[in-house]
Amino acid sequence: MNLQISGHHLEITPAIHDYVTGKLDRVTRHFDNVIDVNVILSVDKLKQKAEVTVHLSGKDVYVEVIDEDLYAAVDALVDKLDRQIQKHKQRVQDHHRGKGIGHIVQD
């Protein structure tokens, strides 16, 4: 998994980098086919914005959260991302469940 963290109007400190990396490890535990992750953290006056784009095999997932606290925004971001990736994983599993050995076609 390639992880890229960047900041707009914000310096990415080692503490922020470690926090985001630790939180995104949860995503890779649920779904192994994560190719690329791009995280953008930005500050606009009193609003802290966290957005992520995850490139999965066959789909891109984008999530954005705005909060007053950057760490709270990252937490909410990871929660939303986790739900979307689990939903995608379930769709992929359900799609492949109907095909295979034992599938009988009647005329």
PDB file of N, CA and C in Angstrom:
ATOM      1  N   MET A   1       0.850  -1.180   0.000  1.00  0.00           N
ATOM      2  CA  MET A   1       0.000   0.000   0.000  1.00  0.00           C
ATOM      3  C   MET A   1       0.887   1.231   0.000  1.00  0.00           C
ATOM      4  N   ASN A   2       0.662   2.115  -0.948  1.00  0.00           N
ATOM      5  CA  ASN A   2       1.370   3.391  -1.006  1.00  0.00           C
ATOM      6  C   ASN A   2       0.547   4.429  -0.264  1.00  0.00           C
ATOM      7  N   LEU A   3       1.154   5.078   0.724  1.00  0.00           N
ATOM      8  CA  LEU A   3       0.470   6.087   1.527  1.00  0.00           C
ATOM      9  C   LEU A   3       1.136   7.430   1.298  1.00  0.00           C
ATOM     10  N   GLN A   4       0.340   8.418   0.925  1.00  0.00           N
ATOM     11  CA  GLN A   4       0.846   9.771   0.718  1.00  0.00           C
ATOM     12  C   GLN A   4       0.012  10.718   1.562  1.00  0.00           C
ATOM     13  N   ILE A   5       0.663  11.452   2.462  1.00  0.00           N
ATOM     14  CA  ILE A   5      -0.013  12.413   3.330  1.00  0.00           C
ATOM     15  C   ILE A   5       0.533  13.788   2.994  1.00  0.00           C
ATOM     16  N   SER A   6      -0.369  14.720   2.674  1.00  0.00           N
ATOM     17  CA  SER A   6       0.058  16.080   2.375  1.00  0.00           C
ATOM     18  C   SER A   6      -0.820  17.065   3.135  1.00  0.00           C
ATOM     19  N   GLY A   7      -0.323  18.275   3.289  1.00  0.00           N
ATOM     20  CA  GLY A   7      -1.046  19.299   4.025  1.00  0.00           C
ATOM     21  C   GLY A   7      -1.155  20.582   3.235  1.00  0.00           C
ATOM     22  N   HIS A   8      -2.309  21.227   3.315  1.00  0.00           N
ATOM     23  CA  HIS A   8      -2.532  22.535   2.715  1.00  0.00           C
ATOM     24  C   HIS A   8      -2.672  23.536   3.861  1.00  0.00           C
ATOM     25  N   HIS A   9      -1.794  24.512   3.879  1.00  0.00           N
ATOM     26  CA  HIS A   9      -1.753  25.500   4.955  1.00  0.00           C
ATOM     27  C   HIS A   9      -1.501  24.835   6.302  1.00  0.00           C
ATOM     28  N   LEU A  10      -0.787  23.717   6.272  1.00  0.00           N
ATOM     29  CA  LEU A  10      -0.531  22.932   7.478  1.00  0.00           C
ATOM     30  C   LEU A  10       0.742  22.129   7.277  1.00  0.00           C
ATOM     31  N   GLU A  11       1.597  22.143   8.273  1.00  0.00           N
ATOM     32  CA  GLU A  11       2.795  21.326   8.216  1.00  0.00           C
ATOM     33  C   GLU A  11       2.487  19.956   8.815  1.00  0.00           C
ATOM     34  N   ILE A  12       2.838  18.901   8.094  1.00  0.00           N
ATOM     35  CA  ILE A  12       2.603  17.542   8.570  1.00  0.00           C
ATOM     36  C   ILE A  12       3.747  17.171   9.520  1.00  0.00           C
ATOM     37  N   THR A  13       3.441  17.192  10.802  1.00  0.00           N
ATOM     38  CA  THR A  13       4.444  16.841  11.806  1.00  0.00           C
ATOM     39  C   THR A  13       4.543  15.324  11.910  1.00  0.00           C
ATOM     40  N   PRO A  14       5.633  14.814  12.478  1.00  0.00           N
ATOM     41  CA  PRO A  14       5.728  13.358  12.680  1.00  0.00           C
ATOM     42  C   PRO A  14       4.585  12.799  13.533  1.00  0.00           C
ATOM     43  N   ALA A  15       4.094  13.581  14.484  1.00  0.00           N
ATOM     44  CA  ALA A  15       2.982  13.119  15.316  1.00  0.00           C
ATOM     45  C   ALA A  15       1.712  12.946  14.486  1.00  0.00           C
ATOM     46  N   ILE A  16       1.410  13.909  13.632  1.00  0.00           N
ATOM     47  CA  ILE A  16       0.227  13.809  12.770  1.00  0.00           C
ATOM     48  C   ILE A  16       0.401  12.657  11.792  1.00  0.00           C
ATOM     49  N   HIS A  17       1.582  12.515  11.217  1.00  0.00           N
ATOM     50  CA  HIS A  17       1.855  11.435  10.258  1.00  0.00           C
ATOM     51  C   HIS A  17       1.661  10.072  10.918  1.00  0.00           C
ATOM     52  N   ASP A  18       2.201   9.891  12.119  1.00  0.00           N
ATOM     53  CA  ASP A  18       2.055   8.619  12.830  1.00  0.00           C
ATOM     54  C   ASP A  18       0.608   8.344  13.199  1.00  0.00           C
ATOM     55  N   TYR A  19      -0.131   9.396  13.591  1.00  0.00           N
ATOM     56  CA  TYR A  19      -1.533   9.232  13.961  1.00  0.00           C
ATOM     57  C   TYR A  19      -2.369   8.760  12.766  1.00  0.00           C
ATOM     58  N   VAL A  20      -2.188   9.421  11.626  1.00  0.00           N
ATOM     59  CA  VAL A  20      -2.946   9.067  10.424  1.00  0.00           C
ATOM     60  C   VAL A  20      -2.570   7.663   9.953  1.00  0.00           C
ATOM     61  N   THR A  21      -1.275   7.357   9.963  1.00  0.00           N
ATOM     62  CA  THR A  21      -0.817   6.032   9.543  1.00  0.00           C
ATOM     63  C   THR A  21      -1.395   4.940  10.429  1.00  0.00           C
ATOM     64  N   GLY A  22      -1.390   5.178  11.736  1.00  0.00           N
ATOM     65  CA  GLY A  22      -1.948   4.196  12.673  1.00  0.00           C
ATOM     66  C   GLY A  22      -3.426   3.971  12.469  1.00  0.00           C
ATOM     67  N   LYS A  23      -4.158   5.043  12.192  1.00  0.00           N
ATOM     68  CA  LYS A  23      -5.597   4.924  11.970  1.00  0.00           C
ATOM     69  C   LYS A  23      -5.907   4.203  10.654  1.00  0.00           C
ATOM     70  N   LEU A  24      -5.109   4.454   9.619  1.00  0.00           N
ATOM     71  CA  LEU A  24      -5.372   3.833   8.319  1.00  0.00           C
ATOM     72  C   LEU A  24      -4.970   2.358   8.283  1.00  0.00           C
ATOM     73  N   ASP A  25      -4.207   1.886   9.262  1.00  0.00           N
ATOM     74  CA  ASP A  25      -3.887   0.460   9.335  1.00  0.00           C
ATOM     75  C   ASP A  25      -5.148  -0.377   9.501  1.00  0.00           C
ATOM     76  N   ARG A  26      -6.156   0.204  10.148  1.00  0.00           N
ATOM     77  CA  ARG A  26      -7.428  -0.490  10.342  1.00  0.00           C
ATOM     78  C   ARG A  26      -8.095  -0.808   9.007  1.00  0.00           C
ATOM     79  N   VAL A  27      -7.947   0.089   8.054  1.00  0.00           N
ATOM     80  CA  VAL A  27      -8.556  -0.101   6.734  1.00  0.00           C
ATOM     81  C   VAL A  27      -7.910  -1.282   6.014  1.00  0.00           C
ATOM     82  N   THR A  28      -6.595  -1.379   6.083  1.00  0.00           N
ATOM     83  CA  THR A  28      -5.905  -2.450   5.368  1.00  0.00           C
ATOM     84  C   THR A  28      -6.157  -3.810   6.011  1.00  0.00           C
ATOM     85  N   ARG A  29      -6.533  -3.834   7.269  1.00  0.00           N
ATOM     86  CA  ARG A  29      -6.876  -5.121   7.898  1.00  0.00           C
ATOM     87  C   ARG A  29      -8.165  -5.686   7.327  1.00  0.00           C
ATOM     88  N   HIS A  30      -9.102  -4.821   6.956  1.00  0.00           N
ATOM     89  CA  HIS A  30     -10.386  -5.280   6.433  1.00  0.00           C
ATOM     90  C   HIS A  30     -10.317  -5.653   4.957  1.00  0.00           C
ATOM     91  N   PHE A  31      -9.457  -4.997   4.218  1.00  0.00           N
ATOM     92  CA  PHE A  31      -9.456  -5.193   2.776  1.00  0.00           C
ATOM     93  C   PHE A  31      -8.013  -5.196   2.295  1.00  0.00           C
ATOM     94  N   ASP A  32      -7.565  -6.299   1.716  1.00  0.00           N
ATOM     95  CA  ASP A  32      -6.173  -6.449   1.320  1.00  0.00           C
ATOM     96  C   ASP A  32      -5.848  -5.805  -0.024  1.00  0.00           C
ATOM     97  N   ASN A  33      -6.841  -5.507  -0.834  1.00  0.00           N
ATOM     98  CA  ASN A  33      -6.600  -5.017  -2.190  1.00  0.00           C
ATOM     99  C   ASN A  33      -6.479  -3.497  -2.273  1.00  0.00           C
ATOM    100  N   VAL A  34      -5.947  -2.854  -1.233  1.00  0.00           N
ATOM    101  CA  VAL A  34      -5.733  -1.413  -1.249  1.00  0.00           C
ATOM    102  C   VAL A  34      -4.442  -1.140  -2.012  1.00  0.00           C
ATOM    103  N   ILE A  35      -4.545  -0.370  -3.089  1.00  0.00           N
ATOM    104  CA  ILE A  35      -3.398  -0.086  -3.934  1.00  0.00           C
ATOM    105  C   ILE A  35      -2.696   1.198  -3.483  1.00  0.00           C
ATOM    106  N   ASP A  36      -3.471   2.249  -3.307  1.00  0.00           N
ATOM    107  CA  ASP A  36      -2.910   3.567  -3.078  1.00  0.00           C
ATOM    108  C   ASP A  36      -3.820   4.353  -2.149  1.00  0.00           C
ATOM    109  N   VAL A  37      -3.244   5.142  -1.233  1.00  0.00           N
ATOM    110  CA  VAL A  37      -4.018   5.985  -0.334  1.00  0.00           C
ATOM    111  C   VAL A  37      -3.417   7.387  -0.362  1.00  0.00           C
ATOM    112  N   ASN A  38      -4.242   8.376  -0.668  1.00  0.00           N
ATOM    113  CA  ASN A  38      -3.817   9.779  -0.660  1.00  0.00           C
ATOM    114  C   ASN A  38      -4.631  10.527   0.385  1.00  0.00           C
ATOM    115  N   VAL A  39      -3.948  11.114   1.367  1.00  0.00           N
ATOM    116  CA  VAL A  39      -4.598  11.859   2.438  1.00  0.00           C
ATOM    117  C   VAL A  39      -4.190  13.322   2.311  1.00  0.00           C
ATOM    118  N   ILE A  40      -5.177  14.212   2.374  1.00  0.00           N
ATOM    119  CA  ILE A  40      -4.914  15.644   2.348  1.00  0.00           C
ATOM    120  C   ILE A  40      -5.540  16.259   3.595  1.00  0.00           C
ATOM    121  N   LEU A  41      -4.705  16.897   4.400  1.00  0.00           N
ATOM    122  CA  LEU A  41      -5.160  17.589   5.597  1.00  0.00           C
ATOM    123  C   LEU A  41      -5.009  19.081   5.339  1.00  0.00           C
ATOM    124  N   SER A  42      -6.056  19.856   5.647  1.00  0.00           N
ATOM    125  CA  SER A  42      -5.982  21.286   5.389  1.00  0.00           C
ATOM    126  C   SER A  42      -6.650  22.073   6.506  1.00  0.00           C
ATOM    127  N   VAL A  43      -6.248  23.339   6.598  1.00  0.00           N
ATOM    128  CA  VAL A  43      -6.784  24.244   7.613  1.00  0.00           C
ATOM    129  C   VAL A  43      -7.311  25.479   6.899  1.00  0.00           C
ATOM    130  N   ASP A  44      -8.547  25.874   7.237  1.00  0.00           N
ATOM    131  CA  ASP A  44      -9.132  27.090   6.707  1.00  0.00           C
ATOM    132  C   ASP A  44      -9.815  27.813   7.862  1.00  0.00           C
ATOM    133  N   LYS A  45      -9.153  28.812   8.371  1.00  0.00           N
ATOM    134  CA  LYS A  45      -9.592  29.564   9.552  1.00  0.00           C
ATOM    135  C   LYS A  45      -9.787  28.601  10.721  1.00  0.00           C
ATOM    136  N   LEU A  46     -11.010  28.379  11.164  1.00  0.00           N
ATOM    137  CA  LEU A  46     -11.244  27.498  12.308  1.00  0.00           C
ATOM    138  C   LEU A  46     -11.706  26.107  11.903  1.00  0.00           C
ATOM    139  N   LYS A  47     -11.721  25.829  10.616  1.00  0.00           N
ATOM    140  CA  LYS A  47     -12.173  24.528  10.121  1.00  0.00           C
ATOM    141  C   LYS A  47     -10.976  23.662   9.755  1.00  0.00           C
ATOM    142  N   GLN A  48     -10.962  22.450  10.259  1.00  0.00           N
ATOM    143  CA  GLN A  48      -9.939  21.469   9.929  1.00  0.00           C
ATOM    144  C   GLN A  48     -10.581  20.461   8.980  1.00  0.00           C
ATOM    145  N   LYS A  49      -9.960  20.239   7.856  1.00  0.00           N
ATOM    146  CA  LYS A  49     -10.542  19.363   6.839  1.00  0.00           C
ATOM    147  C   LYS A  49      -9.598  18.199   6.581  1.00  0.00           C
ATOM    148  N   ALA A  50     -10.150  17.006   6.572  1.00  0.00           N
ATOM    149  CA  ALA A  50      -9.393  15.796   6.247  1.00  0.00           C
ATOM    150  C   ALA A  50     -10.114  15.098   5.108  1.00  0.00           C
ATOM    151  N   GLU A  51      -9.364  14.762   4.067  1.00  0.00           N
ATOM    152  CA  GLU A  51      -9.950  14.039   2.940  1.00  0.00           C
ATOM    153  C   GLU A  51      -8.992  12.942   2.511  1.00  0.00           C
ATOM    154  N   VAL A  52      -9.578  11.866   2.021  1.00  0.00           N
ATOM    155  CA  VAL A  52      -8.774  10.720   1.605  1.00  0.00           C
ATOM    156  C   VAL A  52      -9.378  10.128   0.335  1.00  0.00           C
ATOM    157  N   THR A  53      -8.489   9.679  -0.540  1.00  0.00           N
ATOM    158  CA  THR A  53      -8.879   8.926  -1.725  1.00  0.00           C
ATOM    159  C   THR A  53      -8.153   7.592  -1.656  1.00  0.00           C
ATOM    160  N   VAL A  54      -8.912   6.505  -1.674  1.00  0.00           N
ATOM    161  CA  VAL A  54      -8.343   5.167  -1.611  1.00  0.00           C
ATOM    162  C   VAL A  54      -8.585   4.489  -2.953  1.00  0.00           C
ATOM    163  N   HIS A  55      -7.521   4.040  -3.568  1.00  0.00           N
ATOM    164  CA  HIS A  55      -7.612   3.327  -4.845  1.00  0.00           C
ATOM    165  C   HIS A  55      -7.629   1.834  -4.545  1.00  0.00           C
ATOM    166  N   LEU A  56      -8.782   1.210  -4.771  1.00  0.00           N
ATOM    167  CA  LEU A  56      -8.940  -0.230  -4.599  1.00  0.00           C
ATOM    168  C   LEU A  56      -8.900  -0.868  -5.983  1.00  0.00           C
ATOM    169  N   SER A  57      -8.776  -2.172  -6.017  1.00  0.00           N
ATOM    170  CA  SER A  57      -8.837  -2.832  -7.319  1.00  0.00           C
ATOM    171  C   SER A  57     -10.279  -2.755  -7.813  1.00  0.00           C
ATOM    172  N   GLY A  58     -10.501  -1.959  -8.850  1.00  0.00           N
ATOM    173  CA  GLY A  58     -11.828  -1.840  -9.431  1.00  0.00           C
ATOM    174  C   GLY A  58     -12.641  -0.650  -8.970  1.00  0.00           C
ATOM    175  N   LYS A  59     -12.154   0.130  -7.992  1.00  0.00           N
ATOM    176  CA  LYS A  59     -12.961   1.241  -7.485  1.00  0.00           C
ATOM    177  C   LYS A  59     -12.076   2.237  -6.747  1.00  0.00           C
ATOM    178  N   ASP A  60     -12.483   3.507  -6.788  1.00  0.00           N
ATOM    179  CA  ASP A  60     -11.858   4.548  -5.984  1.00  0.00           C
ATOM    180  C   ASP A  60     -12.872   5.019  -4.958  1.00  0.00           C
ATOM    181  N   VAL A  61     -12.437   5.176  -3.715  1.00  0.00           N
ATOM    182  CA  VAL A  61     -13.318   5.617  -2.633  1.00  0.00           C
ATOM    183  C   VAL A  61     -12.800   6.966  -2.140  1.00  0.00           C
ATOM    184  N   TYR A  62     -13.701   7.969  -2.072  1.00  0.00           N
ATOM    185  CA  TYR A  62     -13.341   9.309  -1.616  1.00  0.00           C
ATOM    186  C   TYR A  62     -14.185   9.655  -0.403  1.00  0.00           C
ATOM    187  N   VAL A  63     -13.524  10.162   0.652  1.00  0.00           N
ATOM    188  CA  VAL A  63     -14.226  10.559   1.868  1.00  0.00           C
ATOM    189  C   VAL A  63     -13.661  11.906   2.310  1.00  0.00           C
ATOM    190  N   GLU A  64     -14.546  12.778   2.809  1.00  0.00           N
ATOM    191  CA  GLU A  64     -14.147  14.110   3.268  1.00  0.00           C
ATOM    192  C   GLU A  64     -14.879  14.425   4.561  1.00  0.00           C
ATOM    193  N   VAL A  65     -14.148  14.984   5.541  1.00  0.00           N
ATOM    194  CA  VAL A  65     -14.734  15.354   6.823  1.00  0.00           C
ATOM    195  C   VAL A  65     -14.185  16.715   7.236  1.00  0.00           C
ATOM    196  N   ILE A  66     -15.066  17.582   7.743  1.00  0.00           N
ATOM    197  CA  ILE A  66     -14.668  18.890   8.265  1.00  0.00           C
ATOM    198  C   ILE A  66     -15.057  18.938   9.737  1.00  0.00           C
ATOM    199  N   ASP A  67     -14.112  19.350  10.591  1.00  0.00           N
ATOM    200  CA  ASP A  67     -14.341  19.414  12.032  1.00  0.00           C
ATOM    201  C   ASP A  67     -13.528  20.570  12.595  1.00  0.00           C
ATOM    202  N   GLU A  68     -13.773  20.908  13.856  1.00  0.00           N
ATOM    203  CA  GLU A  68     -12.992  21.956  14.506  1.00  0.00           C
ATOM    204  C   GLU A  68     -11.637  21.441  14.971  1.00  0.00           C
ATOM    205  N   ASP A  69     -11.544  20.137  15.210  1.00  0.00           N
ATOM    206  CA  ASP A  69     -10.311  19.518  15.685  1.00  0.00           C
ATOM    207  C   ASP A  69      -9.789  18.573  14.603  1.00  0.00           C
ATOM    208  N   LEU A  70      -8.501  18.680  14.282  1.00  0.00           N
ATOM    209  CA  LEU A  70      -7.927  17.864  13.210  1.00  0.00           C
ATOM    210  C   LEU A  70      -7.952  16.378  13.558  1.00  0.00           C
ATOM    211  N   TYR A  71      -7.651  16.048  14.799  1.00  0.00           N
ATOM    212  CA  TYR A  71      -7.640  14.635  15.200  1.00  0.00           C
ATOM    213  C   TYR A  71      -9.050  14.048  15.174  1.00  0.00           C
ATOM    214  N   ALA A  72     -10.054  14.832  15.557  1.00  0.00           N
ATOM    215  CA  ALA A  72     -11.448  14.372  15.474  1.00  0.00           C
ATOM    216  C   ALA A  72     -11.853  14.184  14.018  1.00  0.00           C
ATOM    217  N   ALA A  73     -11.375  15.062  13.135  1.00  0.00           N
ATOM    218  CA  ALA A  73     -11.674  14.930  11.714  1.00  0.00           C
ATOM    219  C   ALA A  73     -11.060  13.658  11.153  1.00  0.00           C
ATOM    220  N   VAL A  74      -9.833  13.334  11.568  1.00  0.00           N
ATOM    221  CA  VAL A  74      -9.182  12.101  11.104  1.00  0.00           C
ATOM    222  C   VAL A  74      -9.933  10.879  11.623  1.00  0.00           C
ATOM    223  N   ASP A  75     -10.372  10.923  12.888  1.00  0.00           N
ATOM    224  CA  ASP A  75     -11.142   9.800  13.444  1.00  0.00           C
ATOM    225  C   ASP A  75     -12.434   9.569  12.669  1.00  0.00           C
ATOM    226  N   ALA A  76     -13.172  10.640  12.404  1.00  0.00           N
ATOM    227  CA  ALA A  76     -14.430  10.518  11.660  1.00  0.00           C
ATOM    228  C   ALA A  76     -14.164  10.063  10.236  1.00  0.00           C
ATOM    229  N   LEU A  77     -13.077  10.539   9.653  1.00  0.00           N
ATOM    230  CA  LEU A  77     -12.701  10.145   8.303  1.00  0.00           C
ATOM    231  C   LEU A  77     -12.453   8.644   8.210  1.00  0.00           C
ATOM    232  N   VAL A  78     -11.714   8.112   9.157  1.00  0.00           N
ATOM    233  CA  VAL A  78     -11.402   6.688   9.145  1.00  0.00           C
ATOM    234  C   VAL A  78     -12.654   5.851   9.379  1.00  0.00           C
ATOM    235  N   ASP A  79     -13.555   6.327  10.240  1.00  0.00           N
ATOM    236  CA  ASP A  79     -14.813   5.603  10.461  1.00  0.00           C
ATOM    237  C   ASP A  79     -15.647   5.534   9.180  1.00  0.00           C
ATOM    238  N   LYS A  80     -15.785   6.660   8.491  1.00  0.00           N
ATOM    239  CA  LYS A  80     -16.547   6.674   7.237  1.00  0.00           C
ATOM    240  C   LYS A  80     -15.882   5.796   6.177  1.00  0.00           C
ATOM    241  N   LEU A  81     -14.568   5.911   6.083  1.00  0.00           N
ATOM    242  CA  LEU A  81     -13.825   5.135   5.092  1.00  0.00           C
ATOM    243  C   LEU A  81     -13.959   3.640   5.368  1.00  0.00           C
ATOM    244  N   ASP A  82     -13.885   3.261   6.626  1.00  0.00           N
ATOM    245  CA  ASP A  82     -14.009   1.853   7.007  1.00  0.00           C
ATOM    246  C   ASP A  82     -15.373   1.303   6.598  1.00  0.00           C
ATOM    247  N   ARG A  83     -16.431   2.074   6.837  1.00  0.00           N
ATOM    248  CA  ARG A  83     -17.779   1.628   6.451  1.00  0.00           C
ATOM    249  C   ARG A  83     -17.898   1.463   4.941  1.00  0.00           C
ATOM    250  N   GLN A  84     -17.345   2.415   4.187  1.00  0.00           N
ATOM    251  CA  GLN A  84     -17.455   2.337   2.730  1.00  0.00           C
ATOM    252  C   GLN A  84     -16.653   1.164   2.166  1.00  0.00           C
ATOM    253  N   ILE A  85     -15.492   0.905   2.731  1.00  0.00           N
ATOM    254  CA  ILE A  85     -14.678  -0.203   2.234  1.00  0.00           C
ATOM    255  C   ILE A  85     -15.305  -1.542   2.595  1.00  0.00           C
ATOM    256  N   GLN A  86     -15.891  -1.652   3.786  1.00  0.00           N
ATOM    257  CA  GLN A  86     -16.587  -2.893   4.144  1.00  0.00           C
ATOM    258  C   GLN A  86     -17.780  -3.117   3.225  1.00  0.00           C
ATOM    259  N   LYS A  87     -18.497  -2.042   2.876  1.00  0.00           N
ATOM    260  CA  LYS A  87     -19.638  -2.159   1.965  1.00  0.00           C
ATOM    261  C   LYS A  87     -19.169  -2.623   0.581  1.00  0.00           C
ATOM    262  N   HIS A  88     -18.061  -2.068   0.104  1.00  0.00           N
ATOM    263  CA  HIS A  88     -17.502  -2.482  -1.189  1.00  0.00           C
ATOM    264  C   HIS A  88     -17.055  -3.936  -1.149  1.00  0.00           C
ATOM    265  N   LYS A  89     -16.419  -4.333  -0.074  1.00  0.00           N
ATOM    266  CA  LYS A  89     -15.955  -5.717   0.073  1.00  0.00           C
ATOM    267  C   LYS A  89     -17.143  -6.680   0.065  1.00  0.00           C
ATOM    268  N   GLN A  90     -18.216  -6.316   0.738  1.00  0.00           N
ATOM    269  CA  GLN A  90     -19.417  -7.154   0.775  1.00  0.00           C
ATOM    270  C   GLN A  90     -20.026  -7.279  -0.616  1.00  0.00           C
ATOM    271  N   ARG A  91     -20.055  -6.175  -1.376  1.00  0.00           N
ATOM    272  CA  ARG A  91     -20.592  -6.231  -2.735  1.00  0.00           C
ATOM    273  C   ARG A  91     -19.767  -7.159  -3.619  1.00  0.00           C
ATOM    274  N   VAL A  92     -18.451  -7.083  -3.486  1.00  0.00           N
ATOM    275  CA  VAL A  92     -17.575  -7.935  -4.292  1.00  0.00           C
ATOM    276  C   VAL A  92     -17.793  -9.399  -3.932  1.00  0.00           C
ATOM    277  N   GLN A  93     -17.921  -9.696  -2.648  1.00  0.00           N
ATOM    278  CA  GLN A  93     -18.134 -11.080  -2.215  1.00  0.00           C
ATOM    279  C   GLN A  93     -19.487 -11.592  -2.672  1.00  0.00           C
ATOM    280  N   ASP A  94     -20.532 -10.771  -2.579  1.00  0.00           N
ATOM    281  CA  ASP A  94     -21.861 -11.194  -3.010  1.00  0.00           C
ATOM    282  C   ASP A  94     -21.915 -11.406  -4.515  1.00  0.00           C
ATOM    283  N   HIS A  95     -21.187 -10.599  -5.255  1.00  0.00           N
ATOM    284  CA  HIS A  95     -21.167 -10.715  -6.711  1.00  0.00           C
ATOM    285  C   HIS A  95     -20.545 -12.036  -7.147  1.00  0.00           C
ATOM    286  N   HIS A  96     -19.517 -12.455  -6.454  1.00  0.00           N
ATOM    287  CA  HIS A  96     -18.825 -13.685  -6.828  1.00  0.00           C
ATOM    288  C   HIS A  96     -19.451 -14.934  -6.207  1.00  0.00           C
ATOM    289  N   ARG A  97     -20.354 -14.759  -5.286  1.00  0.00           N
ATOM    290  CA  ARG A  97     -20.944 -15.900  -4.593  1.00  0.00           C
ATOM    291  C   ARG A  97     -21.870 -16.710  -5.499  1.00  0.00           C
ATOM    292  N   GLY A  98     -22.536 -16.057  -6.436  1.00  0.00           N
ATOM    293  CA  GLY A  98     -23.503 -16.740  -7.285  1.00  0.00           C
ATOM    294  C   GLY A  98     -22.876 -17.556  -8.397  1.00  0.00           C
ATOM    295  N   LYS A  99     -21.593 -17.395  -8.662  1.00  0.00           N
ATOM    296  CA  LYS A  99     -20.943 -18.085  -9.770  1.00  0.00           C
ATOM    297  C   LYS A  99     -20.012 -19.157  -9.224  1.00  0.00           C
ATOM    298  N   GLY A 100     -19.762 -20.172 -10.038  1.00  0.00           N
ATOM    299  CA  GLY A 100     -18.794 -21.186  -9.645  1.00  0.00           C
ATOM    300  C   GLY A 100     -19.369 -22.580  -9.743  1.00  0.00           C
ATOM    301  N   ILE A 101     -18.733 -23.500  -9.046  1.00  0.00           N
ATOM    302  CA  ILE A 101     -19.130 -24.907  -9.075  1.00  0.00           C
ATOM    303  C   ILE A 101     -20.504 -25.055  -8.450  1.00  0.00           C
ATOM    304  N   GLY A 102     -21.323 -25.849  -9.057  1.00  0.00           N
ATOM    305  CA  GLY A 102     -22.651 -26.108  -8.529  1.00  0.00           C
ATOM    306  C   GLY A 102     -23.717 -25.200  -9.127  1.00  0.00           C
ATOM    307  N   HIS A 103     -23.321 -24.275  -9.952  1.00  0.00           N
ATOM    308  CA  HIS A 103     -24.288 -23.393 -10.594  1.00  0.00           C
ATOM    309  C   HIS A 103     -24.938 -24.142 -11.748  1.00  0.00           C
ATOM    310  N   ILE A 104     -26.226 -24.397 -11.647  1.00  0.00           N
ATOM    311  CA  ILE A 104     -26.941 -25.207 -12.617  1.00  0.00           C
ATOM    312  C   ILE A 104     -27.818 -24.296 -13.472  1.00  0.00           C
ATOM    313  N   VAL A 105     -27.718 -24.487 -14.778  1.00  0.00           N
ATOM    314  CA  VAL A 105     -28.549 -23.752 -15.723  1.00  0.00           C
ATOM    315  C   VAL A 105     -29.592 -24.715 -16.268  1.00  0.00           C
ATOM    316  N   GLN A 106     -30.871 -24.370 -16.108  1.00  0.00           N
ATOM    317  CA  GLN A 106     -31.941 -25.226 -16.608  1.00  0.00           C
ATOM    318  C   GLN A 106     -32.564 -24.598 -17.834  1.00  0.00           C
ATOM    319  N   ASP A 107     -32.857 -25.453 -18.819  1.00  0.00           N
ATOM    320  CA  ASP A 107     -33.499 -24.971 -20.071  1.00  0.00           C
ATOM    321  C   ASP A 107     -34.986 -25.178 -19.997  1.00  0.00           C
TER     322      ASP A 107
END
